[in-house]
């Protein structure tokens, strides 16, 4: 009997820097504390958010909390992508 080993899915959060308005809602919404406010500014002069560490579980809380369409994307990482 062959036993299938289930691999843990991996996810990554991608921020479109120039779409981010720096409200911080995604930072508060993330249950894993992946996102943080930076001290850098985007082309509009707004301090933006970026992923600070790995460990995204793909829940989408950041995506749904963000009021700016297109600012946050959550992707599942394929083994071939690594």
PDB file of N, CA and C in Angstrom:
ATOM      1  N   UNK A   1       0.839  -1.187   0.000  1.00  0.00           N
ATOM      2  CA  UNK A   1       0.000   0.000   0.000  1.00  0.00           C
ATOM      3  C   UNK A   1       0.880   1.244   0.000  1.00  0.00           C
ATOM      4  N   UNK A   2       0.748   2.035  -1.063  1.00  0.00           N
ATOM      5  CA  UNK A   2       1.522   3.276  -1.158  1.00  0.00           C
ATOM      6  C   UNK A   2       0.885   4.366  -0.316  1.00  0.00           C
ATOM      7  N   UNK A   3       1.705   5.074   0.365  1.00  0.00           N
ATOM      8  CA  UNK A   3       1.202   6.155   1.204  1.00  0.00           C
ATOM      9  C   UNK A   3       1.550   7.484   0.540  1.00  0.00           C
ATOM     10  N   UNK A   4       0.552   8.300   0.350  1.00  0.00           N
ATOM     11  CA  UNK A   4       0.767   9.601  -0.275  1.00  0.00           C
ATOM     12  C   UNK A   4       1.182  10.605   0.782  1.00  0.00           C
ATOM     13  N   UNK A   5       2.302  11.253   0.531  1.00  0.00           N
ATOM     14  CA  UNK A   5       2.767  12.275   1.457  1.00  0.00           C
ATOM     15  C   UNK A   5       2.227  13.607   0.969  1.00  0.00           C
ATOM     16  N   UNK A   6       1.457  14.246   1.826  1.00  0.00           N
ATOM     17  CA  UNK A   6       0.844  15.512   1.475  1.00  0.00           C
ATOM     18  C   UNK A   6       1.814  16.646   1.805  1.00  0.00           C
ATOM     19  N   UNK A   7       2.152  17.431   0.787  1.00  0.00           N
ATOM     20  CA  UNK A   7       3.058  18.555   0.998  1.00  0.00           C
ATOM     21  C   UNK A   7       2.268  19.769   1.472  1.00  0.00           C
ATOM     22  N   UNK A   8       2.868  20.500   2.379  1.00  0.00           N
ATOM     23  CA  UNK A   8       2.240  21.709   2.879  1.00  0.00           C
ATOM     24  C   UNK A   8       2.288  22.778   1.788  1.00  0.00           C
ATOM     25  N   UNK A   9       1.158  23.403   1.552  1.00  0.00           N
ATOM     26  CA  UNK A   9       1.102  24.456   0.539  1.00  0.00           C
ATOM     27  C   UNK A   9       1.842  25.690   1.030  1.00  0.00           C
ATOM     28  N   UNK A  10       2.455  26.382   0.084  1.00  0.00           N
ATOM     29  CA  UNK A  10       3.170  27.610   0.408  1.00  0.00           C
ATOM     30  C   UNK A  10       2.536  28.761  -0.359  1.00  0.00           C
ATOM     31  N   UNK A  11       2.500  29.916   0.285  1.00  0.00           N
ATOM     32  CA  UNK A  11       1.899  31.097  -0.314  1.00  0.00           C
ATOM     33  C   UNK A  11       2.832  32.291  -0.157  1.00  0.00           C
ATOM     34  N   UNK A  12       2.612  33.287  -0.993  1.00  0.00           N
ATOM     35  CA  UNK A  12       3.384  34.520  -0.916  1.00  0.00           C
ATOM     36  C   UNK A  12       2.435  35.698  -1.144  1.00  0.00           C
ATOM     37  N   UNK A  13       2.696  36.787  -0.432  1.00  0.00           N
ATOM     38  CA  UNK A  13       1.924  38.015  -0.594  1.00  0.00           C
ATOM     39  C   UNK A  13       2.747  38.966  -1.441  1.00  0.00           C
ATOM     40  N   UNK A  14       2.093  39.559  -2.430  1.00  0.00           N
ATOM     41  CA  UNK A  14       2.767  40.527  -3.282  1.00  0.00           C
ATOM     42  C   UNK A  14       2.022  41.863  -3.181  1.00  0.00           C
ATOM     43  N   UNK A  15       2.774  42.909  -2.887  1.00  0.00           N
ATOM     44  CA  UNK A  15       2.210  44.256  -2.780  1.00  0.00           C
ATOM     45  C   UNK A  15       2.584  45.043  -4.032  1.00  0.00           C
ATOM     46  N   UNK A  16       1.599  45.655  -4.669  1.00  0.00           N
ATOM     47  CA  UNK A  16       1.866  46.569  -5.772  1.00  0.00           C
ATOM     48  C   UNK A  16       2.092  47.931  -5.123  1.00  0.00           C
ATOM     49  N   UNK A  17       3.348  48.248  -4.927  1.00  0.00           N
ATOM     50  CA  UNK A  17       3.773  49.402  -4.125  1.00  0.00           C
ATOM     51  C   UNK A  17       3.069  50.702  -4.503  1.00  0.00           C
ATOM     52  N   UNK A  18       2.966  50.990  -5.779  1.00  0.00           N
ATOM     53  CA  UNK A  18       2.378  52.261  -6.185  1.00  0.00           C
ATOM     54  C   UNK A  18       0.853  52.297  -6.087  1.00  0.00           C
ATOM     55  N   UNK A  19       0.234  51.153  -5.774  1.00  0.00           N
ATOM     56  CA  UNK A  19      -1.205  51.111  -5.529  1.00  0.00           C
ATOM     57  C   UNK A  19      -1.517  51.230  -4.033  1.00  0.00           C
ATOM     58  N   UNK A  20      -0.534  50.921  -3.201  1.00  0.00           N
ATOM     59  CA  UNK A  20      -0.719  50.948  -1.751  1.00  0.00           C
ATOM     60  C   UNK A  20      -0.897  52.380  -1.265  1.00  0.00           C
ATOM     61  N   UNK A  21      -1.916  52.589  -0.434  1.00  0.00           N
ATOM     62  CA  UNK A  21      -2.193  53.913   0.121  1.00  0.00           C
ATOM     63  C   UNK A  21      -1.749  54.039   1.584  1.00  0.00           C
ATOM     64  N   UNK A  22      -1.099  53.004   2.105  1.00  0.00           N
ATOM     65  CA  UNK A  22      -0.510  53.066   3.437  1.00  0.00           C
ATOM     66  C   UNK A  22      -1.488  53.100   4.593  1.00  0.00           C
ATOM     67  N   UNK A  23      -2.685  52.583   4.396  1.00  0.00           N
ATOM     68  CA  UNK A  23      -3.688  52.627   5.473  1.00  0.00           C
ATOM     69  C   UNK A  23      -3.379  51.646   6.600  1.00  0.00           C
ATOM     70  N   UNK A  24      -2.657  50.563   6.285  1.00  0.00           N
ATOM     71  CA  UNK A  24      -2.267  49.590   7.306  1.00  0.00           C
ATOM     72  C   UNK A  24      -3.323  48.559   7.661  1.00  0.00           C
ATOM     73  N   UNK A  25      -4.443  48.562   6.971  1.00  0.00           N
ATOM     74  CA  UNK A  25      -5.493  47.586   7.281  1.00  0.00           C
ATOM     75  C   UNK A  25      -5.020  46.157   7.072  1.00  0.00           C
ATOM     76  N   UNK A  26      -4.215  45.943   6.037  1.00  0.00           N
ATOM     77  CA  UNK A  26      -3.703  44.598   5.755  1.00  0.00           C
ATOM     78  C   UNK A  26      -2.761  44.131   6.859  1.00  0.00           C
ATOM     79  N   UNK A  27      -1.977  45.058   7.392  1.00  0.00           N
ATOM     80  CA  UNK A  27      -1.035  44.734   8.466  1.00  0.00           C
ATOM     81  C   UNK A  27      -1.817  44.233   9.686  1.00  0.00           C
ATOM     82  N   UNK A  28      -2.891  44.938  10.020  1.00  0.00           N
ATOM     83  CA  UNK A  28      -3.729  44.547  11.161  1.00  0.00           C
ATOM     84  C   UNK A  28      -4.466  43.239  10.911  1.00  0.00           C
ATOM     85  N   UNK A  29      -4.856  43.000   9.659  1.00  0.00           N
ATOM     86  CA  UNK A  29      -5.667  41.826   9.326  1.00  0.00           C
ATOM     87  C   UNK A  29      -4.873  40.524   9.273  1.00  0.00           C
ATOM     88  N   UNK A  30      -3.579  40.605   9.001  1.00  0.00           N
ATOM     89  CA  UNK A  30      -2.775  39.393   8.805  1.00  0.00           C
ATOM     90  C   UNK A  30      -2.611  38.612  10.116  1.00  0.00           C
ATOM     91  N   UNK A  31      -3.125  37.377  10.158  1.00  0.00           N
ATOM     92  CA  UNK A  31      -3.025  36.596  11.394  1.00  0.00           C
ATOM     93  C   UNK A  31      -1.604  36.101  11.696  1.00  0.00           C
ATOM     94  N   UNK A  32      -0.733  36.112  10.700  1.00  0.00           N
ATOM     95  CA  UNK A  32       0.635  35.626  10.879  1.00  0.00           C
ATOM     96  C   UNK A  32       1.652  36.758  11.007  1.00  0.00           C
ATOM     97  N   UNK A  33       1.208  38.014  10.927  1.00  0.00           N
ATOM     98  CA  UNK A  33       2.119  39.142  11.086  1.00  0.00           C
ATOM     99  C   UNK A  33       3.160  39.231   9.982  1.00  0.00           C
ATOM    100  N   UNK A  34       2.777  38.860   8.774  1.00  0.00           N
ATOM    101  CA  UNK A  34       3.700  38.830   7.637  1.00  0.00           C
ATOM    102  C   UNK A  34       4.021  40.239   7.130  1.00  0.00           C
ATOM    103  N   UNK A  35       3.038  41.121   7.180  1.00  0.00           N
ATOM    104  CA  UNK A  35       3.182  42.452   6.588  1.00  0.00           C
ATOM    105  C   UNK A  35       3.563  43.509   7.613  1.00  0.00           C
ATOM    106  N   UNK A  36       4.292  44.522   7.129  1.00  0.00           N
ATOM    107  CA  UNK A  36       4.626  45.646   8.005  1.00  0.00           C
ATOM    108  C   UNK A  36       4.736  46.930   7.184  1.00  0.00           C
ATOM    109  N   UNK A  37       4.525  48.046   7.850  1.00  0.00           N
ATOM    110  CA  UNK A  37       4.700  49.346   7.221  1.00  0.00           C
ATOM    111  C   UNK A  37       6.193  49.578   7.062  1.00  0.00           C
ATOM    112  N   UNK A  38       6.571  50.159   5.946  1.00  0.00           N
ATOM    113  CA  UNK A  38       7.977  50.478   5.726  1.00  0.00           C
ATOM    114  C   UNK A  38       8.207  51.952   6.052  1.00  0.00           C
ATOM    115  N   UNK A  39       9.416  52.401   5.870  1.00  0.00           N
ATOM    116  CA  UNK A  39       9.713  53.830   5.982  1.00  0.00           C
ATOM    117  C   UNK A  39       9.973  54.393   4.591  1.00  0.00           C
ATOM    118  N   UNK A  40       9.788  53.551   3.572  1.00  0.00           N
ATOM    119  CA  UNK A  40       9.980  53.956   2.177  1.00  0.00           C
ATOM    120  C   UNK A  40       8.684  54.561   1.648  1.00  0.00           C
ATOM    121  N   UNK A  41       8.809  55.364   0.591  1.00  0.00           N
ATOM    122  CA  UNK A  41       7.617  55.956  -0.014  1.00  0.00           C
ATOM    123  C   UNK A  41       7.489  55.513  -1.469  1.00  0.00           C
ATOM    124  N   UNK A  42       6.244  55.419  -1.934  1.00  0.00           N
ATOM    125  CA  UNK A  42       5.990  55.056  -3.323  1.00  0.00           C
ATOM    126  C   UNK A  42       6.004  56.317  -4.193  1.00  0.00           C
ATOM    127  N   UNK A  43       5.648  56.183  -5.475  1.00  0.00           N
ATOM    128  CA  UNK A  43       5.725  57.322  -6.388  1.00  0.00           C
ATOM    129  C   UNK A  43       4.768  58.457  -6.021  1.00  0.00           C
ATOM    130  N   UNK A  44       3.796  58.156  -5.151  1.00  0.00           N
ATOM    131  CA  UNK A  44       2.857  59.189  -4.716  1.00  0.00           C
ATOM    132  C   UNK A  44       3.290  59.815  -3.387  1.00  0.00           C
ATOM    133  N   UNK A  45       4.443  59.387  -2.880  1.00  0.00           N
ATOM    134  CA  UNK A  45       4.942  59.934  -1.624  1.00  0.00           C
ATOM    135  C   UNK A  45       4.291  59.350  -0.390  1.00  0.00           C
ATOM    136  N   UNK A  46       3.686  58.175  -0.542  1.00  0.00           N
ATOM    137  CA  UNK A  46       2.978  57.526   0.567  1.00  0.00           C
ATOM    138  C   UNK A  46       3.820  56.365   1.090  1.00  0.00           C
ATOM    139  N   UNK A  47       3.949  56.285   2.402  1.00  0.00           N
ATOM    140  CA  UNK A  47       4.637  55.150   3.024  1.00  0.00           C
ATOM    141  C   UNK A  47       3.782  53.914   2.768  1.00  0.00           C
ATOM    142  N   UNK A  48       4.425  52.852   2.297  1.00  0.00           N
ATOM    143  CA  UNK A  48       3.674  51.664   1.900  1.00  0.00           C
ATOM    144  C   UNK A  48       4.008  50.440   2.747  1.00  0.00           C
ATOM    145  N   UNK A  49       3.253  49.377   2.495  1.00  0.00           N
ATOM    146  CA  UNK A  49       3.385  48.104   3.206  1.00  0.00           C
ATOM    147  C   UNK A  49       4.199  47.145   2.351  1.00  0.00           C
ATOM    148  N   UNK A  50       4.945  46.250   3.024  1.00  0.00           N
ATOM    149  CA  UNK A  50       5.622  45.174   2.306  1.00  0.00           C
ATOM    150  C   UNK A  50       5.698  43.942   3.196  1.00  0.00           C
ATOM    151  N   UNK A  51       5.847  42.762   2.574  1.00  0.00           N
ATOM    152  CA  UNK A  51       6.020  41.549   3.368  1.00  0.00           C
ATOM    153  C   UNK A  51       7.336  41.626   4.136  1.00  0.00           C
ATOM    154  N   UNK A  52       7.293  41.308   5.417  1.00  0.00           N
ATOM    155  CA  UNK A  52       8.477  41.389   6.264  1.00  0.00           C
ATOM    156  C   UNK A  52       9.110  40.023   6.504  1.00  0.00           C
ATOM    157  N   UNK A  53       8.318  38.975   6.314  1.00  0.00           N
ATOM    158  CA  UNK A  53       8.832  37.628   6.545  1.00  0.00           C
ATOM    159  C   UNK A  53       7.996  36.615   5.780  1.00  0.00           C
ATOM    160  N   UNK A  54       8.451  35.393   5.771  1.00  0.00           N
ATOM    161  CA  UNK A  54       7.717  34.309   5.126  1.00  0.00           C
ATOM    162  C   UNK A  54       6.735  33.715   6.126  1.00  0.00           C
ATOM    163  N   UNK A  55       5.872  32.854   5.643  1.00  0.00           N
ATOM    164  CA  UNK A  55       4.930  32.189   6.532  1.00  0.00           C
ATOM    165  C   UNK A  55       3.478  32.441   6.185  1.00  0.00           C
ATOM    166  N   UNK A  56       3.228  33.050   5.029  1.00  0.00           N
ATOM    167  CA  UNK A  56       1.857  33.305   4.583  1.00  0.00           C
ATOM    168  C   UNK A  56       1.101  31.982   4.472  1.00  0.00           C
ATOM    169  N   UNK A  57      -0.122  31.954   4.994  1.00  0.00           N
ATOM    170  CA  UNK A  57      -0.947  30.746   4.945  1.00  0.00           C
ATOM    171  C   UNK A  57      -2.015  30.826   3.860  1.00  0.00           C
ATOM    172  N   UNK A  58      -2.038  31.916   3.113  1.00  0.00           N
ATOM    173  CA  UNK A  58      -2.968  32.046   1.998  1.00  0.00           C
ATOM    174  C   UNK A  58      -4.406  32.312   2.386  1.00  0.00           C
ATOM    175  N   UNK A  59      -4.628  32.845   3.559  1.00  0.00           N
ATOM    176  CA  UNK A  59      -6.001  33.066   4.034  1.00  0.00           C
ATOM    177  C   UNK A  59      -6.712  34.204   3.298  1.00  0.00           C
ATOM    178  N   UNK A  60      -5.942  35.163   2.769  1.00  0.00           N
ATOM    179  CA  UNK A  60      -6.532  36.269   2.031  1.00  0.00           C
ATOM    180  C   UNK A  60      -7.053  37.404   2.890  1.00  0.00           C
ATOM    181  N   UNK A  61      -6.816  37.354   4.198  1.00  0.00           N
ATOM    182  CA  UNK A  61      -7.320  38.408   5.085  1.00  0.00           C
ATOM    183  C   UNK A  61      -6.792  39.784   4.675  1.00  0.00           C
ATOM    184  N   UNK A  62      -5.538  39.840   4.269  1.00  0.00           N
ATOM    185  CA  UNK A  62      -4.947  41.111   3.836  1.00  0.00           C
ATOM    186  C   UNK A  62      -5.640  41.622   2.579  1.00  0.00           C
ATOM    187  N   UNK A  63      -5.883  40.723   1.646  1.00  0.00           N
ATOM    188  CA  UNK A  63      -6.537  41.060   0.383  1.00  0.00           C
ATOM    189  C   UNK A  63      -7.928  41.638   0.628  1.00  0.00           C
ATOM    190  N   UNK A  64      -8.701  40.987   1.481  1.00  0.00           N
ATOM    191  CA  UNK A  64     -10.068  41.427   1.747  1.00  0.00           C
ATOM    192  C   UNK A  64     -10.130  42.688   2.598  1.00  0.00           C
ATOM    193  N   UNK A  65      -9.115  42.926   3.406  1.00  0.00           N
ATOM    194  CA  UNK A  65      -9.087  44.123   4.249  1.00  0.00           C
ATOM    195  C   UNK A  65      -8.673  45.366   3.460  1.00  0.00           C
ATOM    196  N   UNK A  66      -7.990  45.162   2.343  1.00  0.00           N
ATOM    197  CA  UNK A  66      -7.454  46.270   1.557  1.00  0.00           C
ATOM    198  C   UNK A  66      -8.551  46.976   0.764  1.00  0.00           C
ATOM    199  N   UNK A  67      -8.686  48.294   0.940  1.00  0.00           N
ATOM    200  CA  UNK A  67      -9.706  49.039   0.197  1.00  0.00           C
ATOM    201  C   UNK A  67      -9.263  49.407  -1.227  1.00  0.00           C
ATOM    202  N   UNK A  68      -8.007  49.146  -1.552  1.00  0.00           N
ATOM    203  CA  UNK A  68      -7.460  49.547  -2.850  1.00  0.00           C
ATOM    204  C   UNK A  68      -7.381  48.340  -3.796  1.00  0.00           C
ATOM    205  N   UNK A  69      -8.247  48.290  -4.802  1.00  0.00           N
ATOM    206  CA  UNK A  69      -8.220  47.155  -5.740  1.00  0.00           C
ATOM    207  C   UNK A  69      -6.863  47.039  -6.426  1.00  0.00           C
ATOM    208  N   UNK A  70      -6.311  45.866  -6.422  1.00  0.00           N
ATOM    209  CA  UNK A  70      -5.053  45.627  -7.106  1.00  0.00           C
ATOM    210  C   UNK A  70      -3.800  45.888  -6.303  1.00  0.00           C
ATOM    211  N   UNK A  71      -3.928  46.304  -5.064  1.00  0.00           N
ATOM    212  CA  UNK A  71      -2.736  46.598  -4.266  1.00  0.00           C
ATOM    213  C   UNK A  71      -2.110  45.335  -3.673  1.00  0.00           C
ATOM    214  N   UNK A  72      -2.927  44.325  -3.386  1.00  0.00           N
ATOM    215  CA  UNK A  72      -2.417  43.099  -2.756  1.00  0.00           C
ATOM    216  C   UNK A  72      -2.864  41.886  -3.544  1.00  0.00           C
ATOM    217  N   UNK A  73      -1.935  40.964  -3.740  1.00  0.00           N
ATOM    218  CA  UNK A  73      -2.238  39.678  -4.359  1.00  0.00           C
ATOM    219  C   UNK A  73      -1.620  38.587  -3.491  1.00  0.00           C
ATOM    220  N   UNK A  74      -2.321  37.474  -3.383  1.00  0.00           N
ATOM    221  CA  UNK A  74      -1.815  36.320  -2.645  1.00  0.00           C
ATOM    222  C   UNK A  74      -1.712  35.173  -3.641  1.00  0.00           C
ATOM    223  N   UNK A  75      -0.519  34.593  -3.736  1.00  0.00           N
ATOM    224  CA  UNK A  75      -0.269  33.523  -4.692  1.00  0.00           C
ATOM    225  C   UNK A  75       0.172  32.259  -3.988  1.00  0.00           C
ATOM    226  N   UNK A  76      -0.276  31.122  -4.533  1.00  0.00           N
ATOM    227  CA  UNK A  76       0.249  29.846  -4.079  1.00  0.00           C
ATOM    228  C   UNK A  76       1.520  29.581  -4.857  1.00  0.00           C
ATOM    229  N   UNK A  77       2.569  29.183  -4.158  1.00  0.00           N
ATOM    230  CA  UNK A  77       3.852  28.899  -4.789  1.00  0.00           C
ATOM    231  C   UNK A  77       3.883  27.447  -5.221  1.00  0.00           C
ATOM    232  N   UNK A  78       4.144  27.230  -6.483  1.00  0.00           N
ATOM    233  CA  UNK A  78       4.267  25.891  -7.030  1.00  0.00           C
ATOM    234  C   UNK A  78       5.694  25.410  -6.767  1.00  0.00           C
ATOM    235  N   UNK A  79       5.852  24.115  -6.539  1.00  0.00           N
ATOM    236  CA  UNK A  79       7.183  23.555  -6.300  1.00  0.00           C
ATOM    237  C   UNK A  79       8.148  23.932  -7.428  1.00  0.00           C
ATOM    238  N   UNK A  80       7.670  23.994  -8.652  1.00  0.00           N
ATOM    239  CA  UNK A  80       8.509  24.313  -9.802  1.00  0.00           C
ATOM    240  C   UNK A  80       8.968  25.772  -9.790  1.00  0.00           C
ATOM    241  N   UNK A  81       8.256  26.643  -9.067  1.00  0.00           N
ATOM    242  CA  UNK A  81       8.580  28.052  -8.996  1.00  0.00           C
ATOM    243  C   UNK A  81       9.746  28.330  -8.056  1.00  0.00           C
ATOM    244  N   UNK A  82      10.018  27.414  -7.168  1.00  0.00           N
ATOM    245  CA  UNK A  82      11.060  27.650  -6.164  1.00  0.00           C
ATOM    246  C   UNK A  82      12.435  27.419  -6.711  1.00  0.00           C
TER     247      UNK A  82
END
